[in-house]
Structures are given as structure tokens and as C-alpha cells.
Amino acid sequence: MGAVYTQLSLKERRRIEDWWHARVPVREMARVLKRSKSTIHREIKCNF
């Protein structure tokens, strides 16, 4: 069986948006949210 993935919550998406505008590094966002850097990059690319 493959890995199980969970979607980003609205709260996580808002935090990413706030951090993106504050120019927080993606690596730091991923560390705090306990998510993959690629997940954060994908969210930024698709929604900002």
C-alpha cells in the first residue's frame, strides 16, 4: 500500500500565506507545519 496524505487545512493555508508575504523561508514553514517542502512549494505555486 502507498502512503496516506492529508490535505492542508484552511488554517495551514492561511499561515502559509501570511508567512509568504512576510518572506519566511519555505524550509522554515515546512519545519513548523511538519510538512514536506514540496507540499509548501506546491501550495504557493497553485494559490498565490
N, C-alpha and C. Protein backbone atom coordinates (compact mmCIF):
# COMPACT_ATOMS: atom_id res chain seq x y z
N MET A 1 0.83 -1.19 0.00
CA MET A 1 0.00 0.00 0.00
C MET A 1 0.87 1.24 0.00
N GLY A 2 0.34 2.32 -0.59
CA GLY A 2 1.07 3.58 -0.67
C GLY A 2 0.92 4.41 0.59
N ALA A 3 1.57 5.53 0.59
CA ALA A 3 1.49 6.45 1.72
C ALA A 3 0.14 7.14 1.75
N VAL A 4 -0.25 7.56 2.94
CA VAL A 4 -1.51 8.28 3.12
C VAL A 4 -1.18 9.76 3.28
N TYR A 5 -1.84 10.59 2.49
CA TYR A 5 -1.59 12.03 2.53
C TYR A 5 -2.82 12.75 3.03
N THR A 6 -2.61 13.81 3.78
CA THR A 6 -3.73 14.63 4.23
C THR A 6 -3.64 16.00 3.57
N GLN A 7 -4.78 16.57 3.29
CA GLN A 7 -4.80 17.89 2.67
C GLN A 7 -4.43 18.95 3.70
N LEU A 8 -3.95 20.06 3.19
CA LEU A 8 -3.68 21.19 4.06
C LEU A 8 -5.00 21.76 4.57
N SER A 9 -5.03 22.09 5.82
CA SER A 9 -6.24 22.70 6.37
C SER A 9 -6.27 24.18 5.99
N LEU A 10 -7.42 24.78 6.13
CA LEU A 10 -7.57 26.20 5.84
C LEU A 10 -6.65 27.02 6.74
N LYS A 11 -6.52 26.61 7.99
CA LYS A 11 -5.64 27.30 8.93
C LYS A 11 -4.19 27.25 8.46
N GLU A 12 -3.75 26.07 7.99
CA GLU A 12 -2.39 25.93 7.48
C GLU A 12 -2.18 26.80 6.24
N ARG A 13 -3.17 26.82 5.35
CA ARG A 13 -3.07 27.63 4.14
C ARG A 13 -2.97 29.11 4.46
N ARG A 14 -3.70 29.56 5.45
CA ARG A 14 -3.62 30.97 5.85
C ARG A 14 -2.28 31.31 6.46
N ARG A 15 -1.74 30.38 7.26
CA ARG A 15 -0.42 30.60 7.85
C ARG A 15 0.63 30.69 6.76
N ILE A 16 0.54 29.78 5.76
CA ILE A 16 1.48 29.81 4.65
C ILE A 16 1.39 31.14 3.92
N GLU A 17 0.19 31.62 3.69
CA GLU A 17 0.01 32.90 3.00
C GLU A 17 0.63 34.04 3.80
N ASP A 18 0.37 34.08 5.10
CA ASP A 18 0.94 35.14 5.95
C ASP A 18 2.46 35.08 5.93
N TRP A 19 3.00 33.87 6.06
CA TRP A 19 4.45 33.71 6.06
C TRP A 19 5.04 34.06 4.71
N TRP A 20 4.35 33.72 3.63
CA TRP A 20 4.83 34.02 2.28
C TRP A 20 4.98 35.53 2.11
N HIS A 21 3.98 36.28 2.58
CA HIS A 21 4.06 37.75 2.48
C HIS A 21 5.14 38.32 3.40
N ALA A 22 5.41 37.62 4.49
CA ALA A 22 6.46 38.06 5.41
C ALA A 22 7.84 37.54 4.99
N ARG A 23 7.90 36.82 3.86
CA ARG A 23 9.13 36.28 3.28
C ARG A 23 9.84 35.28 4.21
N VAL A 24 9.05 34.46 4.90
CA VAL A 24 9.62 33.39 5.71
C VAL A 24 10.08 32.29 4.75
N PRO A 25 11.27 31.72 4.95
CA PRO A 25 11.76 30.67 4.05
C PRO A 25 10.84 29.44 4.06
N VAL A 26 10.71 28.81 2.90
CA VAL A 26 9.86 27.63 2.75
C VAL A 26 10.32 26.52 3.69
N ARG A 27 11.61 26.38 3.84
CA ARG A 27 12.14 25.35 4.75
C ARG A 27 11.62 25.54 6.17
N GLU A 28 11.57 26.78 6.62
CA GLU A 28 11.08 27.08 7.97
C GLU A 28 9.57 26.80 8.07
N MET A 29 8.81 27.19 7.04
CA MET A 29 7.36 26.90 7.03
C MET A 29 7.13 25.40 7.15
N ALA A 30 7.86 24.63 6.35
CA ALA A 30 7.71 23.18 6.34
C ALA A 30 8.05 22.58 7.70
N ARG A 31 9.10 23.09 8.32
CA ARG A 31 9.51 22.58 9.62
C ARG A 31 8.44 22.83 10.68
N VAL A 32 7.91 24.03 10.72
CA VAL A 32 6.91 24.39 11.73
C VAL A 32 5.61 23.61 11.52
N LEU A 33 5.20 23.48 10.25
CA LEU A 33 3.94 22.78 9.95
C LEU A 33 4.09 21.27 9.90
N LYS A 34 5.34 20.79 9.98
CA LYS A 34 5.63 19.35 9.87
C LYS A 34 5.10 18.79 8.56
N ARG A 35 5.40 19.52 7.48
CA ARG A 35 5.01 19.15 6.12
C ARG A 35 6.25 19.14 5.24
N SER A 36 6.14 18.49 4.11
CA SER A 36 7.23 18.46 3.14
C SER A 36 7.42 19.83 2.50
N LYS A 37 8.67 20.15 2.16
CA LYS A 37 8.93 21.41 1.45
C LYS A 37 8.19 21.44 0.13
N SER A 38 8.09 20.29 -0.53
CA SER A 38 7.39 20.25 -1.82
C SER A 38 5.91 20.56 -1.67
N THR A 39 5.33 20.18 -0.54
CA THR A 39 3.92 20.50 -0.29
C THR A 39 3.73 22.01 -0.18
N ILE A 40 4.65 22.66 0.51
CA ILE A 40 4.58 24.11 0.67
C ILE A 40 4.78 24.80 -0.68
N HIS A 41 5.78 24.33 -1.44
CA HIS A 41 6.03 24.91 -2.77
C HIS A 41 4.81 24.75 -3.67
N ARG A 42 4.19 23.58 -3.63
CA ARG A 42 3.01 23.31 -4.47
C ARG A 42 1.86 24.26 -4.09
N GLU A 43 1.67 24.46 -2.81
CA GLU A 43 0.60 25.35 -2.34
C GLU A 43 0.85 26.78 -2.81
N ILE A 44 2.07 27.24 -2.70
CA ILE A 44 2.43 28.60 -3.12
C ILE A 44 2.24 28.75 -4.63
N LYS A 45 2.72 27.77 -5.38
CA LYS A 45 2.61 27.84 -6.84
C LYS A 45 1.17 27.86 -7.30
N CYS A 46 0.32 27.05 -6.71
CA CYS A 46 -1.07 26.92 -7.17
C CYS A 46 -1.97 28.05 -6.69
N ASN A 47 -1.69 28.61 -5.53
CA ASN A 47 -2.66 29.52 -4.92
C ASN A 47 -2.19 30.94 -4.69
N PHE A 48 -0.95 31.26 -5.01
CA PHE A 48 -0.51 32.63 -4.80
C PHE A 48 -0.02 33.20 -6.08
